[in-house]
Amino acid sequence: MNSLPDAKRYVDSFARPDGYNHYAWDVTKKLALEAWESYLNGRPFRRRINYMCSEFYKMIQRPEDGEFIIPRNSFRMLSNG
């Protein structure tokens, strides 16, 4: 992934999970894009991430190798993954 438009397409490829309203889903995707923007610009991601849906954690992983784009100590992972 080399650009913010690529990252946006990737983030937009995830389906909204059951139980998430449109507003919550938009906020989730916006946060994922903020993380990608920081990553792509070589800047540290300074926000703390509280519990989110499992789709969010997939959004902030590089699709080619599954590595997270922000330090794992920035968020609390779901127990199932």
PDB file of N, CA and C in Angstrom:
ATOM      1  N   MET A   1       0.861  -1.162   0.000  1.00  0.00           N
ATOM      2  CA  MET A   1       0.000   0.000   0.000  1.00  0.00           C
ATOM      3  C   MET A   1       0.909   1.228   0.000  1.00  0.00           C
ATOM      4  N   ASN A   2       0.728   2.074  -1.002  1.00  0.00           N
ATOM      5  CA  ASN A   2       1.657   3.192  -1.173  1.00  0.00           C
ATOM      6  C   ASN A   2       1.022   4.568  -1.092  1.00  0.00           C
ATOM      7  N   SER A   3      -0.291   4.642  -1.018  1.00  0.00           N
ATOM      8  CA  SER A   3      -0.931   5.956  -1.029  1.00  0.00           C
ATOM      9  C   SER A   3      -2.205   5.943  -0.188  1.00  0.00           C
ATOM     10  N   LEU A   4      -2.630   7.130   0.196  1.00  0.00           N
ATOM     11  CA  LEU A   4      -3.862   7.248   0.967  1.00  0.00           C
ATOM     12  C   LEU A   4      -5.083   6.780   0.169  1.00  0.00           C
ATOM     13  N   PRO A   5      -5.179   7.074  -1.145  1.00  0.00           N
ATOM     14  CA  PRO A   5      -6.311   6.517  -1.904  1.00  0.00           C
ATOM     15  C   PRO A   5      -6.332   4.982  -1.886  1.00  0.00           C
ATOM     16  N   ASP A   6      -5.150   4.348  -1.955  1.00  0.00           N
ATOM     17  CA  ASP A   6      -5.086   2.884  -1.847  1.00  0.00           C
ATOM     18  C   ASP A   6      -5.588   2.433  -0.481  1.00  0.00           C
ATOM     19  N   ALA A   7      -5.148   3.130   0.565  1.00  0.00           N
ATOM     20  CA  ALA A   7      -5.568   2.792   1.923  1.00  0.00           C
ATOM     21  C   ALA A   7      -7.072   2.965   2.074  1.00  0.00           C
ATOM     22  N   LYS A   8      -7.625   4.030   1.484  1.00  0.00           N
ATOM     23  CA  LYS A   8      -9.072   4.266   1.569  1.00  0.00           C
ATOM     24  C   LYS A   8      -9.837   3.135   0.890  1.00  0.00           C
ATOM     25  N   ARG A   9      -9.376   2.701  -0.265  1.00  0.00           N
ATOM     26  CA  ARG A   9     -10.030   1.581  -0.950  1.00  0.00           C
ATOM     27  C   ARG A   9      -9.976   0.319  -0.087  1.00  0.00           C
ATOM     28  N   TYR A  10      -8.848   0.106   0.546  1.00  0.00           N
ATOM     29  CA  TYR A  10      -8.683  -1.063   1.417  1.00  0.00           C
ATOM     30  C   TYR A  10      -9.645  -0.982   2.597  1.00  0.00           C
ATOM     31  N   VAL A  11      -9.670   0.154   3.274  1.00  0.00           N
ATOM     32  CA  VAL A  11     -10.556   0.331   4.430  1.00  0.00           C
ATOM     33  C   VAL A  11     -12.017   0.202   4.000  1.00  0.00           C
ATOM     34  N   ASP A  12     -12.357   0.787   2.867  1.00  0.00           N
ATOM     35  CA  ASP A  12     -13.742   0.720   2.375  1.00  0.00           C
ATOM     36  C   ASP A  12     -14.154  -0.681   1.937  1.00  0.00           C
ATOM     37  N   SER A  13     -13.185  -1.577   1.779  1.00  0.00           N
ATOM     38  CA  SER A  13     -13.517  -2.936   1.329  1.00  0.00           C
ATOM     39  C   SER A  13     -14.119  -3.784   2.454  1.00  0.00           C
ATOM     40  N   PHE A  14     -14.032  -3.316   3.685  1.00  0.00           N
ATOM     41  CA  PHE A  14     -14.567  -4.067   4.815  1.00  0.00           C
ATOM     42  C   PHE A  14     -16.053  -3.770   4.992  1.00  0.00           C
ATOM     43  N   ALA A  15     -16.823  -4.802   5.252  1.00  0.00           N
ATOM     44  CA  ALA A  15     -18.263  -4.661   5.470  1.00  0.00           C
ATOM     45  C   ALA A  15     -18.531  -4.213   6.905  1.00  0.00           C
ATOM     46  N   ARG A  16     -19.538  -3.387   7.065  1.00  0.00           N
ATOM     47  CA  ARG A  16     -19.944  -2.922   8.394  1.00  0.00           C
ATOM     48  C   ARG A  16     -20.457  -4.112   9.198  1.00  0.00           C
ATOM     49  N   PRO A  17     -19.907  -4.313  10.390  1.00  0.00           N
ATOM     50  CA  PRO A  17     -20.334  -5.464  11.205  1.00  0.00           C
ATOM     51  C   PRO A  17     -21.746  -5.285  11.757  1.00  0.00           C
ATOM     52  N   ASP A  18     -22.395  -6.393  12.024  1.00  0.00           N
ATOM     53  CA  ASP A  18     -23.710  -6.361  12.663  1.00  0.00           C
ATOM     54  C   ASP A  18     -23.591  -5.624  13.986  1.00  0.00           C
ATOM     55  N   GLY A  19     -24.569  -4.802  14.277  1.00  0.00           N
ATOM     56  CA  GLY A  19     -24.580  -4.068  15.533  1.00  0.00           C
ATOM     57  C   GLY A  19     -23.905  -2.710  15.463  1.00  0.00           C
ATOM     58  N   TYR A  20     -23.214  -2.427  14.387  1.00  0.00           N
ATOM     59  CA  TYR A  20     -22.588  -1.114  14.206  1.00  0.00           C
ATOM     60  C   TYR A  20     -23.515  -0.254  13.369  1.00  0.00           C
ATOM     61  N   ASN A  21     -23.884   0.910  13.903  1.00  0.00           N
ATOM     62  CA  ASN A  21     -24.686   1.817  13.081  1.00  0.00           C
ATOM     63  C   ASN A  21     -23.764   2.548  12.103  1.00  0.00           C
ATOM     64  N   HIS A  22     -24.353   3.261  11.173  1.00  0.00           N
ATOM     65  CA  HIS A  22     -23.559   3.926  10.131  1.00  0.00           C
ATOM     66  C   HIS A  22     -22.588   4.946  10.716  1.00  0.00           C
ATOM     67  N   TYR A  23     -23.024   5.678  11.727  1.00  0.00           N
ATOM     68  CA  TYR A  23     -22.152   6.682  12.338  1.00  0.00           C
ATOM     69  C   TYR A  23     -20.929   6.013  12.976  1.00  0.00           C
ATOM     70  N   ALA A  24     -21.146   4.975  13.763  1.00  0.00           N
ATOM     71  CA  ALA A  24     -20.035   4.283  14.423  1.00  0.00           C
ATOM     72  C   ALA A  24     -19.074   3.701  13.385  1.00  0.00           C
ATOM     73  N   TRP A  25     -19.607   3.177  12.306  1.00  0.00           N
ATOM     74  CA  TRP A  25     -18.774   2.600  11.260  1.00  0.00           C
ATOM     75  C   TRP A  25     -17.947   3.679  10.559  1.00  0.00           C
ATOM     76  N   ASP A  26     -18.565   4.825  10.297  1.00  0.00           N
ATOM     77  CA  ASP A  26     -17.825   5.929   9.677  1.00  0.00           C
ATOM     78  C   ASP A  26     -16.686   6.402  10.573  1.00  0.00           C
ATOM     79  N   VAL A  27     -16.933   6.490  11.880  1.00  0.00           N
ATOM     80  CA  VAL A  27     -15.895   6.891  12.833  1.00  0.00           C
ATOM     81  C   VAL A  27     -14.769   5.857  12.852  1.00  0.00           C
ATOM     82  N   THR A  28     -15.121   4.593  12.812  1.00  0.00           N
ATOM     83  CA  THR A  28     -14.134   3.515  12.806  1.00  0.00           C
ATOM     84  C   THR A  28     -13.246   3.607  11.570  1.00  0.00           C
ATOM     85  N   LYS A  29     -13.862   3.792  10.410  1.00  0.00           N
ATOM     86  CA  LYS A  29     -13.093   3.893   9.170  1.00  0.00           C
ATOM     87  C   LYS A  29     -12.223   5.146   9.159  1.00  0.00           C
ATOM     88  N   LYS A  30     -12.731   6.235   9.703  1.00  0.00           N
ATOM     89  CA  LYS A  30     -11.950   7.476   9.760  1.00  0.00           C
ATOM     90  C   LYS A  30     -10.705   7.287  10.614  1.00  0.00           C
ATOM     91  N   LEU A  31     -10.841   6.617  11.743  1.00  0.00           N
ATOM     92  CA  LEU A  31      -9.695   6.359  12.616  1.00  0.00           C
ATOM     93  C   LEU A  31      -8.669   5.464  11.913  1.00  0.00           C
ATOM     94  N   ALA A  32      -9.143   4.453  11.199  1.00  0.00           N
ATOM     95  CA  ALA A  32      -8.227   3.584  10.452  1.00  0.00           C
ATOM     96  C   ALA A  32      -7.472   4.394   9.392  1.00  0.00           C
ATOM     97  N   LEU A  33      -8.157   5.299   8.724  1.00  0.00           N
ATOM     98  CA  LEU A  33      -7.492   6.124   7.710  1.00  0.00           C
ATOM     99  C   LEU A  33      -6.493   7.080   8.337  1.00  0.00           C
ATOM    100  N   GLU A  34      -6.779   7.582   9.528  1.00  0.00           N
ATOM    101  CA  GLU A  34      -5.804   8.422  10.238  1.00  0.00           C
ATOM    102  C   GLU A  34      -4.537   7.622  10.522  1.00  0.00           C
ATOM    103  N   ALA A  35      -4.712   6.371  10.924  1.00  0.00           N
ATOM    104  CA  ALA A  35      -3.559   5.506  11.183  1.00  0.00           C
ATOM    105  C   ALA A  35      -2.762   5.284   9.896  1.00  0.00           C
ATOM    106  N   TRP A  36      -3.455   5.020   8.797  1.00  0.00           N
ATOM    107  CA  TRP A  36      -2.771   4.824   7.520  1.00  0.00           C
ATOM    108  C   TRP A  36      -2.054   6.086   7.068  1.00  0.00           C
ATOM    109  N   GLU A  37      -2.674   7.233   7.263  1.00  0.00           N
ATOM    110  CA  GLU A  37      -2.035   8.492   6.866  1.00  0.00           C
ATOM    111  C   GLU A  37      -0.735   8.698   7.641  1.00  0.00           C
ATOM    112  N   SER A  38      -0.771   8.449   8.939  1.00  0.00           N
ATOM    113  CA  SER A  38       0.449   8.563   9.749  1.00  0.00           C
ATOM    114  C   SER A  38       1.518   7.589   9.251  1.00  0.00           C
ATOM    115  N   TYR A  39       1.110   6.355   9.017  1.00  0.00           N
ATOM    116  CA  TYR A  39       2.041   5.328   8.555  1.00  0.00           C
ATOM    117  C   TYR A  39       2.674   5.705   7.213  1.00  0.00           C
ATOM    118  N   LEU A  40       1.848   6.105   6.277  1.00  0.00           N
ATOM    119  CA  LEU A  40       2.344   6.422   4.937  1.00  0.00           C
ATOM    120  C   LEU A  40       3.236   7.659   4.923  1.00  0.00           C
ATOM    121  N   ASN A  41       3.023   8.570   5.868  1.00  0.00           N
ATOM    122  CA  ASN A  41       3.832   9.787   5.950  1.00  0.00           C
ATOM    123  C   ASN A  41       5.005   9.643   6.918  1.00  0.00           C
ATOM    124  N   GLY A  42       5.184   8.452   7.483  1.00  0.00           N
ATOM    125  CA  GLY A  42       6.296   8.204   8.374  1.00  0.00           C
ATOM    126  C   GLY A  42       6.209   8.931   9.704  1.00  0.00           C
ATOM    127  N   ARG A  43       4.989   9.253  10.100  1.00  0.00           N
ATOM    128  CA  ARG A  43       4.775   9.950  11.375  1.00  0.00           C
ATOM    129  C   ARG A  43       4.228   8.963  12.401  1.00  0.00           C
ATOM    130  N   PRO A  44       4.590   9.159  13.670  1.00  0.00           N
ATOM    131  CA  PRO A  44       4.019   8.282  14.702  1.00  0.00           C
ATOM    132  C   PRO A  44       2.529   8.542  14.875  1.00  0.00           C
ATOM    133  N   PHE A  45       1.800   7.504  15.150  1.00  0.00           N
ATOM    134  CA  PHE A  45       0.366   7.606  15.428  1.00  0.00           C
ATOM    135  C   PHE A  45       0.226   7.785  16.927  1.00  0.00           C
ATOM    136  N   ARG A  46      -0.248   8.935  17.348  1.00  0.00           N
ATOM    137  CA  ARG A  46      -0.213   9.305  18.758  1.00  0.00           C
ATOM    138  C   ARG A  46      -1.499   9.011  19.522  1.00  0.00           C
ATOM    139  N   ARG A  47      -2.543   8.628  18.848  1.00  0.00           N
ATOM    140  CA  ARG A  47      -3.810   8.379  19.529  1.00  0.00           C
ATOM    141  C   ARG A  47      -3.823   6.997  20.161  1.00  0.00           C
ATOM    142  N   ARG A  48      -4.498   6.897  21.291  1.00  0.00           N
ATOM    143  CA  ARG A  48      -4.727   5.589  21.920  1.00  0.00           C
ATOM    144  C   ARG A  48      -6.015   5.024  21.343  1.00  0.00           C
ATOM    145  N   ILE A  49      -6.023   3.732  21.126  1.00  0.00           N
ATOM    146  CA  ILE A  49      -7.188   3.090  20.542  1.00  0.00           C
ATOM    147  C   ILE A  49      -7.792   2.162  21.586  1.00  0.00           C
ATOM    148  N   ASN A  50      -9.038   2.425  21.931  1.00  0.00           N
ATOM    149  CA  ASN A  50      -9.771   1.567  22.848  1.00  0.00           C
ATOM    150  C   ASN A  50     -10.410   0.432  22.060  1.00  0.00           C
ATOM    151  N   TYR A  51     -11.116  -0.420  22.734  1.00  0.00           N
ATOM    152  CA  TYR A  51     -11.774  -1.566  22.105  1.00  0.00           C
ATOM    153  C   TYR A  51     -12.563  -1.144  20.865  1.00  0.00           C
ATOM    154  N   MET A  52     -12.331  -1.824  19.780  1.00  0.00           N
ATOM    155  CA  MET A  52     -13.070  -1.600  18.537  1.00  0.00           C
ATOM    156  C   MET A  52     -13.422  -2.986  17.982  1.00  0.00           C
ATOM    157  N   CYS A  53     -14.173  -3.016  16.903  1.00  0.00           N
ATOM    158  CA  CYS A  53     -14.549  -4.284  16.274  1.00  0.00           C
ATOM    159  C   CYS A  53     -13.322  -4.953  15.642  1.00  0.00           C
ATOM    160  N   SER A  54     -13.404  -6.239  15.445  1.00  0.00           N
ATOM    161  CA  SER A  54     -12.270  -6.978  14.873  1.00  0.00           C
ATOM    162  C   SER A  54     -11.936  -6.493  13.458  1.00  0.00           C
ATOM    163  N   GLU A  55     -12.925  -6.008  12.717  1.00  0.00           N
ATOM    164  CA  GLU A  55     -12.671  -5.479  11.376  1.00  0.00           C
ATOM    165  C   GLU A  55     -11.689  -4.314  11.426  1.00  0.00           C
ATOM    166  N   PHE A  56     -11.814  -3.488  12.472  1.00  0.00           N
ATOM    167  CA  PHE A  56     -10.906  -2.350  12.592  1.00  0.00           C
ATOM    168  C   PHE A  56      -9.461  -2.816  12.676  1.00  0.00           C
ATOM    169  N   TYR A  57      -9.202  -3.839  13.490  1.00  0.00           N
ATOM    170  CA  TYR A  57      -7.835  -4.317  13.642  1.00  0.00           C
ATOM    171  C   TYR A  57      -7.295  -4.869  12.330  1.00  0.00           C
ATOM    172  N   LYS A  58      -8.150  -5.441  11.512  1.00  0.00           N
ATOM    173  CA  LYS A  58      -7.722  -5.912  10.190  1.00  0.00           C
ATOM    174  C   LYS A  58      -7.423  -4.737   9.275  1.00  0.00           C
ATOM    175  N   MET A  59      -8.184  -3.644   9.427  1.00  0.00           N
ATOM    176  CA  MET A  59      -7.973  -2.451   8.596  1.00  0.00           C
ATOM    177  C   MET A  59      -6.603  -1.831   8.835  1.00  0.00           C
ATOM    178  N   ILE A  60      -6.067  -1.997  10.040  1.00  0.00           N
ATOM    179  CA  ILE A  60      -4.782  -1.371  10.350  1.00  0.00           C
ATOM    180  C   ILE A  60      -3.631  -2.375  10.266  1.00  0.00           C
ATOM    181  N   GLN A  61      -3.836  -3.405   9.480  1.00  0.00           N
ATOM    182  CA  GLN A  61      -2.774  -4.355   9.161  1.00  0.00           C
ATOM    183  C   GLN A  61      -2.442  -4.233   7.684  1.00  0.00           C
ATOM    184  N   ARG A  62      -1.167  -4.352   7.357  1.00  0.00           N
ATOM    185  CA  ARG A  62      -0.783  -4.334   5.947  1.00  0.00           C
ATOM    186  C   ARG A  62      -1.332  -5.591   5.291  1.00  0.00           C
ATOM    187  N   PRO A  63      -2.056  -5.434   4.187  1.00  0.00           N
ATOM    188  CA  PRO A  63      -2.668  -6.616   3.558  1.00  0.00           C
ATOM    189  C   PRO A  63      -1.647  -7.619   3.026  1.00  0.00           C
ATOM    190  N   GLU A  64      -0.471  -7.152   2.691  1.00  0.00           N
ATOM    191  CA  GLU A  64       0.511  -8.058   2.099  1.00  0.00           C
ATOM    192  C   GLU A  64       1.174  -8.998   3.109  1.00  0.00           C
ATOM    193  N   ASP A  65       1.242  -8.589   4.396  1.00  0.00           N
ATOM    194  CA  ASP A  65       1.919  -9.457   5.361  1.00  0.00           C
ATOM    195  C   ASP A  65       1.252  -9.514   6.737  1.00  0.00           C
ATOM    196  N   GLY A  66       0.163  -8.776   6.926  1.00  0.00           N
ATOM    197  CA  GLY A  66      -0.572  -8.824   8.187  1.00  0.00           C
ATOM    198  C   GLY A  66       0.057  -8.055   9.334  1.00  0.00           C
ATOM    199  N   GLU A  67       1.151  -7.343   9.072  1.00  0.00           N
ATOM    200  CA  GLU A  67       1.801  -6.552  10.117  1.00  0.00           C
ATOM    201  C   GLU A  67       0.974  -5.310  10.423  1.00  0.00           C
ATOM    202  N   PHE A  68       0.880  -4.983  11.711  1.00  0.00           N
ATOM    203  CA  PHE A  68       0.156  -3.781  12.100  1.00  0.00           C
ATOM    204  C   PHE A  68       0.943  -2.545  11.694  1.00  0.00           C
ATOM    205  N   ILE A  69       0.233  -1.486  11.324  1.00  0.00           N
ATOM    206  CA  ILE A  69       0.877  -0.252  10.879  1.00  0.00           C
ATOM    207  C   ILE A  69       1.122   0.711  12.024  1.00  0.00           C
ATOM    208  N   ILE A  70       0.631   0.404  13.196  1.00  0.00           N
ATOM    209  CA  ILE A  70       0.896   1.205  14.390  1.00  0.00           C
ATOM    210  C   ILE A  70       1.395   0.254  15.477  1.00  0.00           C
ATOM    211  N   PRO A  71       2.119   0.778  16.454  1.00  0.00           N
ATOM    212  CA  PRO A  71       2.614  -0.103  17.519  1.00  0.00           C
ATOM    213  C   PRO A  71       1.464  -0.768  18.266  1.00  0.00           C
ATOM    214  N   ARG A  72       1.647  -2.035  18.562  1.00  0.00           N
ATOM    215  CA  ARG A  72       0.594  -2.796  19.251  1.00  0.00           C
ATOM    216  C   ARG A  72       0.292  -2.231  20.630  1.00  0.00           C
ATOM    217  N   ASN A  73       1.222  -1.518  21.235  1.00  0.00           N
ATOM    218  CA  ASN A  73       0.948  -0.948  22.555  1.00  0.00           C
ATOM    219  C   ASN A  73       0.043   0.288  22.462  1.00  0.00           C
ATOM    220  N   SER A  74      -0.354   0.680  21.255  1.00  0.00           N
ATOM    221  CA  SER A  74      -1.283   1.791  21.071  1.00  0.00           C
ATOM    222  C   SER A  74      -2.741   1.370  21.226  1.00  0.00           C
ATOM    223  N   PHE A  75      -2.971   0.068  21.229  1.00  0.00           N
ATOM    224  CA  PHE A  75      -4.351  -0.409  21.300  1.00  0.00           C
ATOM    225  C   PHE A  75      -4.477  -1.673  22.126  1.00  0.00           C
ATOM    226  N   ARG A  76      -5.698  -1.906  22.526  1.00  0.00           N
ATOM    227  CA  ARG A  76      -6.026  -3.139  23.237  1.00  0.00           C
ATOM    228  C   ARG A  76      -6.653  -4.085  22.216  1.00  0.00           C
ATOM    229  N   MET A  77      -6.001  -5.186  21.980  1.00  0.00           N
ATOM    230  CA  MET A  77      -6.520  -6.158  21.013  1.00  0.00           C
ATOM    231  C   MET A  77      -7.713  -6.897  21.569  1.00  0.00           C
ATOM    232  N   LEU A  78      -8.550  -7.366  20.680  1.00  0.00           N
ATOM    233  CA  LEU A  78      -9.631  -8.253  21.062  1.00  0.00           C
ATOM    234  C   LEU A  78      -9.026  -9.583  21.513  1.00  0.00           C
ATOM    235  N   SER A  79      -9.651 -10.219  22.449  1.00  0.00           N
ATOM    236  CA  SER A  79      -9.107 -11.478  22.952  1.00  0.00           C
ATOM    237  C   SER A  79      -9.111 -12.566  21.885  1.00  0.00           C
ATOM    238  N   ASN A  80     -10.044 -12.488  20.929  1.00  0.00           N
ATOM    239  CA  ASN A  80     -10.098 -13.522  19.880  1.00  0.00           C
ATOM    240  C   ASN A  80      -9.451 -13.053  18.590  1.00  0.00           C
ATOM    241  N   GLY A  81      -8.809 -11.925  18.622  1.00  0.00           N
ATOM    242  CA  GLY A  81      -8.060 -11.594  17.550  1.00  0.00           C
ATOM    243  C   GLY A  81      -7.990 -10.670  16.552  1.00  0.00           C
TER     244      GLY A  81
END
